[in-house]
N, C-alpha and C. Protein backbone atom coordinates (compact mmCIF):
# COMPACT_ATOMS: atom_id res chain seq x y z
N UNK A 1 19.51 30.34 25.78
CA UNK A 1 19.44 31.69 26.33
C UNK A 1 18.67 31.62 27.64
N UNK A 2 19.32 32.07 28.70
CA UNK A 2 18.70 32.09 30.02
C UNK A 2 17.86 33.35 30.18
N UNK A 3 16.59 33.17 30.47
CA UNK A 3 15.68 34.30 30.67
C UNK A 3 15.60 34.62 32.17
N UNK A 4 15.52 35.90 32.46
CA UNK A 4 15.37 36.39 33.82
C UNK A 4 14.09 37.22 33.88
N UNK A 5 13.55 37.36 35.08
CA UNK A 5 12.31 38.11 35.27
C UNK A 5 12.51 39.14 36.37
N UNK A 6 11.97 40.32 36.14
CA UNK A 6 11.95 41.37 37.14
C UNK A 6 10.53 41.92 37.20
N UNK A 7 9.99 42.06 38.41
CA UNK A 7 8.65 42.65 38.55
C UNK A 7 8.68 43.67 39.69
N UNK A 8 7.84 44.67 39.54
CA UNK A 8 7.68 45.67 40.59
C UNK A 8 6.30 46.30 40.44
N UNK A 9 5.80 46.86 41.55
CA UNK A 9 4.50 47.52 41.54
C UNK A 9 4.60 48.83 42.29
N UNK A 10 3.77 49.77 41.90
CA UNK A 10 3.68 51.06 42.58
C UNK A 10 2.23 51.51 42.50
N UNK A 11 1.67 51.83 43.65
CA UNK A 11 0.32 52.38 43.68
C UNK A 11 0.43 53.90 43.68
N UNK A 12 -0.33 54.53 42.80
CA UNK A 12 -0.36 55.99 42.71
C UNK A 12 -1.77 56.49 43.01
N UNK A 13 -1.87 57.59 43.77
CA UNK A 13 -3.18 58.11 44.17
C UNK A 13 -3.83 58.97 43.08
N UNK A 14 -3.96 58.39 41.91
CA UNK A 14 -4.61 59.09 40.79
C UNK A 14 -5.27 58.02 39.91
N UNK A 15 -6.38 58.39 39.26
CA UNK A 15 -7.05 57.41 38.39
C UNK A 15 -6.17 57.07 37.18
N UNK A 16 -6.36 55.87 36.68
CA UNK A 16 -5.51 55.44 35.56
C UNK A 16 -5.73 56.30 34.32
N UNK A 17 -6.87 56.96 34.19
CA UNK A 17 -7.10 57.87 33.07
C UNK A 17 -6.17 59.08 33.12
N UNK A 18 -5.59 59.35 34.30
CA UNK A 18 -4.58 60.40 34.44
C UNK A 18 -3.17 59.82 34.36
N UNK A 19 -2.97 58.64 34.92
CA UNK A 19 -1.64 58.03 34.98
C UNK A 19 -1.21 57.50 33.62
N UNK A 20 -2.09 56.79 32.94
CA UNK A 20 -1.72 56.16 31.67
C UNK A 20 -1.21 57.17 30.63
N UNK A 21 -1.86 58.33 30.45
CA UNK A 21 -1.35 59.29 29.45
C UNK A 21 0.09 59.73 29.70
N UNK A 22 0.50 59.77 30.97
CA UNK A 22 1.89 60.11 31.26
C UNK A 22 2.82 59.07 30.61
N UNK A 23 2.49 57.81 30.77
CA UNK A 23 3.30 56.74 30.18
C UNK A 23 3.12 56.65 28.67
N UNK A 24 2.01 57.12 28.16
CA UNK A 24 1.74 57.07 26.72
C UNK A 24 2.55 58.11 25.95
N UNK A 25 3.16 59.03 26.66
CA UNK A 25 4.04 60.02 26.03
C UNK A 25 5.48 59.56 26.24
N UNK A 26 6.09 59.01 25.20
CA UNK A 26 7.44 58.44 25.30
C UNK A 26 8.46 59.46 25.81
N UNK A 27 8.24 60.74 25.54
CA UNK A 27 9.21 61.75 25.99
C UNK A 27 9.25 61.88 27.51
N UNK A 28 8.24 61.39 28.21
CA UNK A 28 8.27 61.41 29.67
C UNK A 28 9.26 60.41 30.24
N UNK A 29 9.74 59.49 29.43
CA UNK A 29 10.75 58.54 29.91
C UNK A 29 11.99 59.26 30.44
N UNK A 30 12.31 60.39 29.83
CA UNK A 30 13.49 61.14 30.28
C UNK A 30 13.31 61.61 31.72
N UNK A 31 12.08 61.94 32.10
CA UNK A 31 11.81 62.42 33.46
C UNK A 31 11.95 61.31 34.51
N UNK A 32 11.64 60.08 34.14
CA UNK A 32 11.64 59.00 35.14
C UNK A 32 12.83 58.05 34.99
N UNK A 33 13.79 58.44 34.17
CA UNK A 33 15.01 57.64 34.00
C UNK A 33 16.14 58.32 34.77
N UNK A 34 16.91 57.55 35.53
CA UNK A 34 17.97 58.15 36.35
C UNK A 34 18.97 58.96 35.53
N UNK A 35 19.40 60.10 36.07
CA UNK A 35 20.33 60.96 35.32
C UNK A 35 21.65 60.28 34.98
N UNK A 36 22.08 59.33 35.80
CA UNK A 36 23.37 58.68 35.53
C UNK A 36 23.35 57.85 34.25
N UNK A 37 22.17 57.59 33.68
CA UNK A 37 22.09 56.87 32.41
C UNK A 37 22.21 57.80 31.20
N UNK A 38 22.16 59.11 31.44
CA UNK A 38 22.27 60.09 30.35
C UNK A 38 21.31 59.74 29.20
N UNK A 39 20.11 59.40 29.56
CA UNK A 39 19.09 58.91 28.64
C UNK A 39 18.57 60.02 27.75
N UNK A 40 18.47 59.73 26.47
CA UNK A 40 17.94 60.71 25.52
C UNK A 40 17.15 59.98 24.44
N UNK A 41 15.96 60.49 24.14
CA UNK A 41 15.16 59.94 23.04
C UNK A 41 15.66 60.56 21.75
N UNK A 42 15.94 59.72 20.76
CA UNK A 42 16.44 60.19 19.47
C UNK A 42 15.31 60.36 18.45
N UNK A 43 14.23 59.63 18.63
CA UNK A 43 13.10 59.74 17.72
C UNK A 43 12.50 61.14 17.85
N UNK A 44 12.37 61.82 16.74
CA UNK A 44 11.93 63.22 16.79
C UNK A 44 10.41 63.36 16.77
N UNK A 45 10.00 64.56 17.15
CA UNK A 45 8.59 64.93 17.08
C UNK A 45 7.72 64.15 18.03
N UNK A 46 6.42 64.40 17.95
CA UNK A 46 5.51 63.60 18.75
C UNK A 46 5.54 62.16 18.25
N UNK A 47 5.57 61.24 19.18
CA UNK A 47 5.61 59.81 18.84
C UNK A 47 4.20 59.27 19.04
N UNK A 48 3.61 58.78 17.99
CA UNK A 48 2.26 58.20 18.10
C UNK A 48 2.39 56.80 18.67
N UNK A 49 2.00 56.66 19.92
CA UNK A 49 2.10 55.36 20.58
C UNK A 49 0.98 54.47 20.09
N UNK A 50 1.40 53.34 19.56
CA UNK A 50 0.48 52.32 19.05
C UNK A 50 1.31 51.08 18.76
N UNK A 51 0.66 49.97 18.55
CA UNK A 51 1.38 48.75 18.18
C UNK A 51 2.15 49.03 16.89
N UNK A 52 3.42 48.67 16.89
CA UNK A 52 4.27 48.89 15.74
C UNK A 52 5.15 50.13 15.84
N UNK A 53 4.86 51.03 16.78
CA UNK A 53 5.69 52.23 16.95
C UNK A 53 7.08 51.82 17.42
N UNK A 54 8.09 52.42 16.81
CA UNK A 54 9.48 52.17 17.20
C UNK A 54 10.09 53.47 17.73
N UNK A 55 10.84 53.32 18.81
CA UNK A 55 11.43 54.49 19.47
C UNK A 55 12.93 54.22 19.66
N UNK A 56 13.73 55.19 19.24
CA UNK A 56 15.18 55.08 19.37
C UNK A 56 15.67 55.95 20.53
N UNK A 57 16.64 55.42 21.28
CA UNK A 57 17.20 56.09 22.44
C UNK A 57 18.72 56.03 22.39
N UNK A 58 19.31 56.92 23.17
CA UNK A 58 20.75 56.86 23.45
C UNK A 58 20.87 56.91 24.97
N UNK A 59 21.75 56.09 25.53
CA UNK A 59 22.00 56.11 26.95
C UNK A 59 23.43 55.68 27.21
N UNK A 60 23.83 55.81 28.45
CA UNK A 60 25.19 55.47 28.83
C UNK A 60 25.09 54.52 30.02
N UNK A 61 25.58 53.30 29.87
CA UNK A 61 25.52 52.30 30.94
C UNK A 61 26.94 52.01 31.40
N UNK A 62 27.19 52.34 32.67
CA UNK A 62 28.51 52.11 33.26
C UNK A 62 29.64 52.70 32.42
N UNK A 63 29.35 53.90 31.88
CA UNK A 63 30.36 54.61 31.11
C UNK A 63 30.40 54.28 29.62
N UNK A 64 29.60 53.32 29.20
CA UNK A 64 29.59 52.91 27.80
C UNK A 64 28.35 53.47 27.09
N UNK A 65 28.55 54.28 26.04
CA UNK A 65 27.39 54.79 25.29
C UNK A 65 26.74 53.68 24.48
N UNK A 66 25.43 53.66 24.51
CA UNK A 66 24.66 52.63 23.81
C UNK A 66 23.50 53.25 23.06
N UNK A 67 23.07 52.57 22.04
CA UNK A 67 21.81 52.91 21.37
C UNK A 67 20.84 51.77 21.64
N UNK A 68 19.57 52.15 21.75
CA UNK A 68 18.54 51.17 22.06
C UNK A 68 17.32 51.51 21.21
N UNK A 69 16.68 50.50 20.68
CA UNK A 69 15.42 50.71 19.97
C UNK A 69 14.40 49.74 20.54
N UNK A 70 13.22 50.29 20.85
CA UNK A 70 12.12 49.43 21.30
C UNK A 70 10.95 49.57 20.33
N UNK A 71 10.15 48.53 20.31
CA UNK A 71 8.92 48.54 19.52
C UNK A 71 7.76 48.27 20.46
N UNK A 72 6.70 49.05 20.30
CA UNK A 72 5.47 48.77 21.05
C UNK A 72 4.78 47.61 20.33
N UNK A 73 4.67 46.49 21.02
CA UNK A 73 4.09 45.30 20.39
C UNK A 73 2.65 45.03 20.82
N UNK A 74 2.25 45.71 21.89
CA UNK A 74 0.85 45.60 22.35
C UNK A 74 0.45 46.94 22.91
N UNK A 75 -0.72 47.41 22.52
CA UNK A 75 -1.17 48.74 22.95
C UNK A 75 -2.64 48.68 23.29
N UNK A 76 -2.96 48.75 24.57
CA UNK A 76 -4.33 48.76 25.06
C UNK A 76 -4.48 49.95 25.99
N UNK A 77 -4.86 51.12 25.45
CA UNK A 77 -4.90 52.34 26.24
C UNK A 77 -5.62 52.18 27.58
N UNK A 78 -4.97 52.75 28.59
CA UNK A 78 -5.41 52.76 29.99
C UNK A 78 -5.32 51.40 30.67
N UNK A 79 -4.98 50.34 29.95
CA UNK A 79 -4.91 49.01 30.56
C UNK A 79 -3.48 48.48 30.58
N UNK A 80 -2.84 48.40 29.39
CA UNK A 80 -1.48 47.85 29.33
C UNK A 80 -0.84 48.20 28.01
N UNK A 81 0.49 48.11 28.02
CA UNK A 81 1.24 48.12 26.77
C UNK A 81 2.53 47.35 26.98
N UNK A 82 3.09 46.89 25.88
CA UNK A 82 4.31 46.09 25.92
C UNK A 82 5.33 46.72 24.98
N UNK A 83 6.54 46.89 25.49
CA UNK A 83 7.63 47.30 24.61
C UNK A 83 8.69 46.21 24.59
N UNK A 84 9.23 45.98 23.38
CA UNK A 84 10.25 44.95 23.20
C UNK A 84 11.47 45.57 22.53
N UNK A 85 12.64 45.19 23.02
CA UNK A 85 13.87 45.67 22.41
C UNK A 85 14.02 45.08 21.02
N UNK A 86 14.35 45.94 20.07
CA UNK A 86 14.68 45.50 18.71
C UNK A 86 16.18 45.59 18.48
N UNK A 87 16.84 46.58 19.09
CA UNK A 87 18.30 46.72 19.08
C UNK A 87 18.70 47.25 20.44
N UNK A 88 19.80 46.74 20.97
CA UNK A 88 20.24 47.26 22.26
C UNK A 88 21.12 46.29 23.01
N UNK A 89 21.32 46.57 24.29
CA UNK A 89 22.30 45.82 25.09
C UNK A 89 21.85 44.43 25.54
N UNK A 90 20.57 44.15 25.49
CA UNK A 90 20.07 42.86 25.97
C UNK A 90 19.95 41.86 24.83
N UNK A 91 20.04 40.60 25.17
CA UNK A 91 19.76 39.58 24.15
C UNK A 91 18.26 39.54 23.90
N UNK A 92 17.49 39.84 24.94
CA UNK A 92 16.03 39.92 24.84
C UNK A 92 15.54 40.84 25.95
N UNK A 93 14.51 41.65 25.65
CA UNK A 93 13.89 42.54 26.63
C UNK A 93 12.44 42.70 26.25
N UNK A 94 11.54 42.26 27.12
CA UNK A 94 10.10 42.42 26.92
C UNK A 94 9.54 43.00 28.21
N UNK A 95 9.02 44.22 28.11
CA UNK A 95 8.55 44.96 29.29
C UNK A 95 7.05 45.20 29.16
N UNK A 96 6.29 44.58 30.05
CA UNK A 96 4.84 44.74 30.08
C UNK A 96 4.49 45.72 31.20
N UNK A 97 3.78 46.78 30.83
CA UNK A 97 3.30 47.79 31.77
C UNK A 97 1.79 47.57 31.91
N UNK A 98 1.32 47.37 33.13
CA UNK A 98 -0.11 47.15 33.37
C UNK A 98 -0.61 48.17 34.37
N UNK A 99 -1.82 48.68 34.12
CA UNK A 99 -2.42 49.72 34.97
C UNK A 99 -3.78 49.22 35.44
N UNK A 100 -3.95 49.10 36.76
CA UNK A 100 -5.17 48.56 37.33
C UNK A 100 -5.75 49.56 38.32
N UNK A 101 -7.06 49.81 38.22
CA UNK A 101 -7.71 50.66 39.20
C UNK A 101 -7.76 49.91 40.52
N UNK A 102 -7.33 50.60 41.60
CA UNK A 102 -7.29 49.96 42.91
C UNK A 102 -7.38 51.01 44.00
N UNK A 103 -8.33 50.86 44.90
CA UNK A 103 -8.46 51.72 46.08
C UNK A 103 -8.44 53.21 45.74
N UNK A 104 -9.15 53.60 44.69
CA UNK A 104 -9.23 55.00 44.33
C UNK A 104 -8.01 55.54 43.60
N UNK A 105 -7.10 54.67 43.23
CA UNK A 105 -5.90 55.09 42.52
C UNK A 105 -5.56 54.08 41.44
N UNK A 106 -4.29 54.04 41.08
CA UNK A 106 -3.83 53.15 40.02
C UNK A 106 -2.65 52.33 40.49
N UNK A 107 -2.74 51.03 40.32
CA UNK A 107 -1.62 50.14 40.58
C UNK A 107 -0.86 49.97 39.26
N UNK A 108 0.39 50.44 39.24
CA UNK A 108 1.25 50.31 38.06
C UNK A 108 2.14 49.10 38.27
N UNK A 109 2.02 48.14 37.39
CA UNK A 109 2.77 46.89 37.51
C UNK A 109 3.71 46.78 36.31
N UNK A 110 4.97 46.53 36.60
CA UNK A 110 5.97 46.31 35.56
C UNK A 110 6.45 44.88 35.64
N UNK A 111 6.45 44.21 34.50
CA UNK A 111 6.95 42.84 34.40
C UNK A 111 7.93 42.82 33.23
N UNK A 112 9.18 42.50 33.53
CA UNK A 112 10.22 42.48 32.51
C UNK A 112 10.80 41.08 32.41
N UNK A 113 10.83 40.57 31.19
CA UNK A 113 11.54 39.32 30.89
C UNK A 113 12.74 39.73 30.05
N UNK A 114 13.92 39.29 30.46
CA UNK A 114 15.12 39.72 29.76
C UNK A 114 16.20 38.64 29.79
N UNK A 115 17.10 38.74 28.84
CA UNK A 115 18.28 37.88 28.78
C UNK A 115 19.48 38.77 28.49
N UNK A 116 20.61 38.43 29.09
CA UNK A 116 21.81 39.25 28.93
C UNK A 116 22.96 38.43 28.37
N UNK A 117 23.85 39.08 27.63
CA UNK A 117 25.07 38.39 27.24
C UNK A 117 25.83 37.99 28.50
N UNK A 118 26.35 36.81 28.54
CA UNK A 118 27.07 36.36 29.73
C UNK A 118 26.21 35.57 30.70
N UNK A 119 24.90 35.56 30.48
CA UNK A 119 24.00 34.72 31.26
C UNK A 119 23.83 35.10 32.72
N UNK A 120 23.62 34.07 33.53
CA UNK A 120 23.27 34.25 34.94
C UNK A 120 24.30 34.97 35.77
N UNK A 121 25.57 34.71 35.53
CA UNK A 121 26.61 35.35 36.33
C UNK A 121 26.62 36.86 36.10
N UNK A 122 26.59 37.29 34.86
CA UNK A 122 26.56 38.72 34.54
C UNK A 122 25.28 39.34 35.10
N UNK A 123 24.18 38.62 35.02
CA UNK A 123 22.93 39.13 35.58
C UNK A 123 23.07 39.34 37.08
N UNK A 124 23.56 38.34 37.80
CA UNK A 124 23.67 38.45 39.26
C UNK A 124 24.65 39.53 39.70
N UNK A 125 25.77 39.65 39.01
CA UNK A 125 26.81 40.59 39.43
C UNK A 125 26.55 42.03 39.01
N UNK A 126 25.89 42.23 37.87
CA UNK A 126 25.78 43.59 37.33
C UNK A 126 24.35 43.98 36.96
N UNK A 127 23.76 43.25 36.04
CA UNK A 127 22.53 43.70 35.39
C UNK A 127 21.35 43.80 36.35
N UNK A 128 21.13 42.79 37.18
CA UNK A 128 19.99 42.80 38.10
C UNK A 128 20.05 44.01 39.03
N UNK A 129 21.23 44.31 39.53
CA UNK A 129 21.39 45.47 40.41
C UNK A 129 21.04 46.76 39.67
N UNK A 130 21.53 46.88 38.44
CA UNK A 130 21.24 48.07 37.65
C UNK A 130 19.75 48.23 37.40
N UNK A 131 19.09 47.14 37.02
CA UNK A 131 17.64 47.19 36.76
C UNK A 131 16.89 47.58 38.03
N UNK A 132 17.28 47.01 39.16
CA UNK A 132 16.64 47.34 40.43
C UNK A 132 16.80 48.82 40.75
N UNK A 133 17.99 49.37 40.56
CA UNK A 133 18.24 50.80 40.82
C UNK A 133 17.42 51.69 39.88
N UNK A 134 17.35 51.30 38.62
CA UNK A 134 16.61 52.10 37.63
C UNK A 134 15.12 52.16 37.99
N UNK A 135 14.55 51.01 38.34
CA UNK A 135 13.13 51.00 38.68
C UNK A 135 12.86 51.66 40.03
N UNK A 136 13.80 51.61 40.96
CA UNK A 136 13.64 52.32 42.24
C UNK A 136 13.61 53.82 41.98
N UNK A 137 14.46 54.31 41.09
CA UNK A 137 14.46 55.73 40.73
C UNK A 137 13.13 56.10 40.08
N UNK A 138 12.69 55.24 39.20
CA UNK A 138 11.42 55.49 38.50
C UNK A 138 10.26 55.59 39.50
N UNK A 139 10.23 54.69 40.47
CA UNK A 139 9.16 54.73 41.47
C UNK A 139 9.21 56.02 42.28
N UNK A 140 10.41 56.46 42.64
CA UNK A 140 10.56 57.70 43.38
C UNK A 140 10.07 58.88 42.54
N UNK A 141 10.45 58.92 41.28
CA UNK A 141 10.03 60.00 40.38
C UNK A 141 8.51 60.02 40.22
N UNK A 142 7.90 58.86 40.06
CA UNK A 142 6.44 58.80 39.91
C UNK A 142 5.73 59.18 41.21
N UNK A 143 6.28 58.78 42.35
CA UNK A 143 5.69 59.15 43.64
C UNK A 143 5.73 60.65 43.86
N UNK A 144 6.77 61.30 43.35
CA UNK A 144 6.85 62.76 43.45
C UNK A 144 5.86 63.42 42.51
N UNK A 145 5.67 62.82 41.36
CA UNK A 145 4.74 63.38 40.37
C UNK A 145 3.29 63.24 40.84
N UNK A 146 2.98 62.14 41.52
CA UNK A 146 1.64 61.87 42.04
C UNK A 146 1.71 61.65 43.55
N UNK A 147 1.93 62.73 44.31
CA UNK A 147 2.07 62.56 45.78
C UNK A 147 0.73 62.22 46.44
N UNK A 148 0.79 61.55 47.58
CA UNK A 148 -0.46 61.28 48.31
C UNK A 148 -1.18 62.59 48.62
N UNK A 149 -2.47 62.61 48.38
CA UNK A 149 -3.27 63.79 48.64
C UNK A 149 -3.05 64.91 47.63
N UNK A 150 -2.26 64.59 46.55
CA UNK A 150 -1.95 65.61 45.55
C UNK A 150 -2.98 65.67 44.53
């Protein structure tokens, strides 16, 4: 299985004690996920984020409806958390979210290790572009939520 890595960072002008709770609420994923994915959380009620929490989603990728389940495998409030795919479109998906205080704000770092059916060719032609677009949308949404001087 060929593993691929994607990383991105975004600095937000707010302390991590304000930024982290936004990410700690799984229902906020709908706000920062591009509309073209038709993303919906299926897990009902408030989701208690902690190691072992599982969250079910429905989304549409390139016209194909999919279900996805992730598990929080590491939970360190205000510092980091890790979600791993348990069911879904990837052969493997491990997403580490890290929050670091920097220059009066918060540096949000995303590190994703993933593997796709079809390997490197499918990744280069389709998946990498999709992941890049999804995270670019997320950065734009977060920048609007935490504008400079806001």
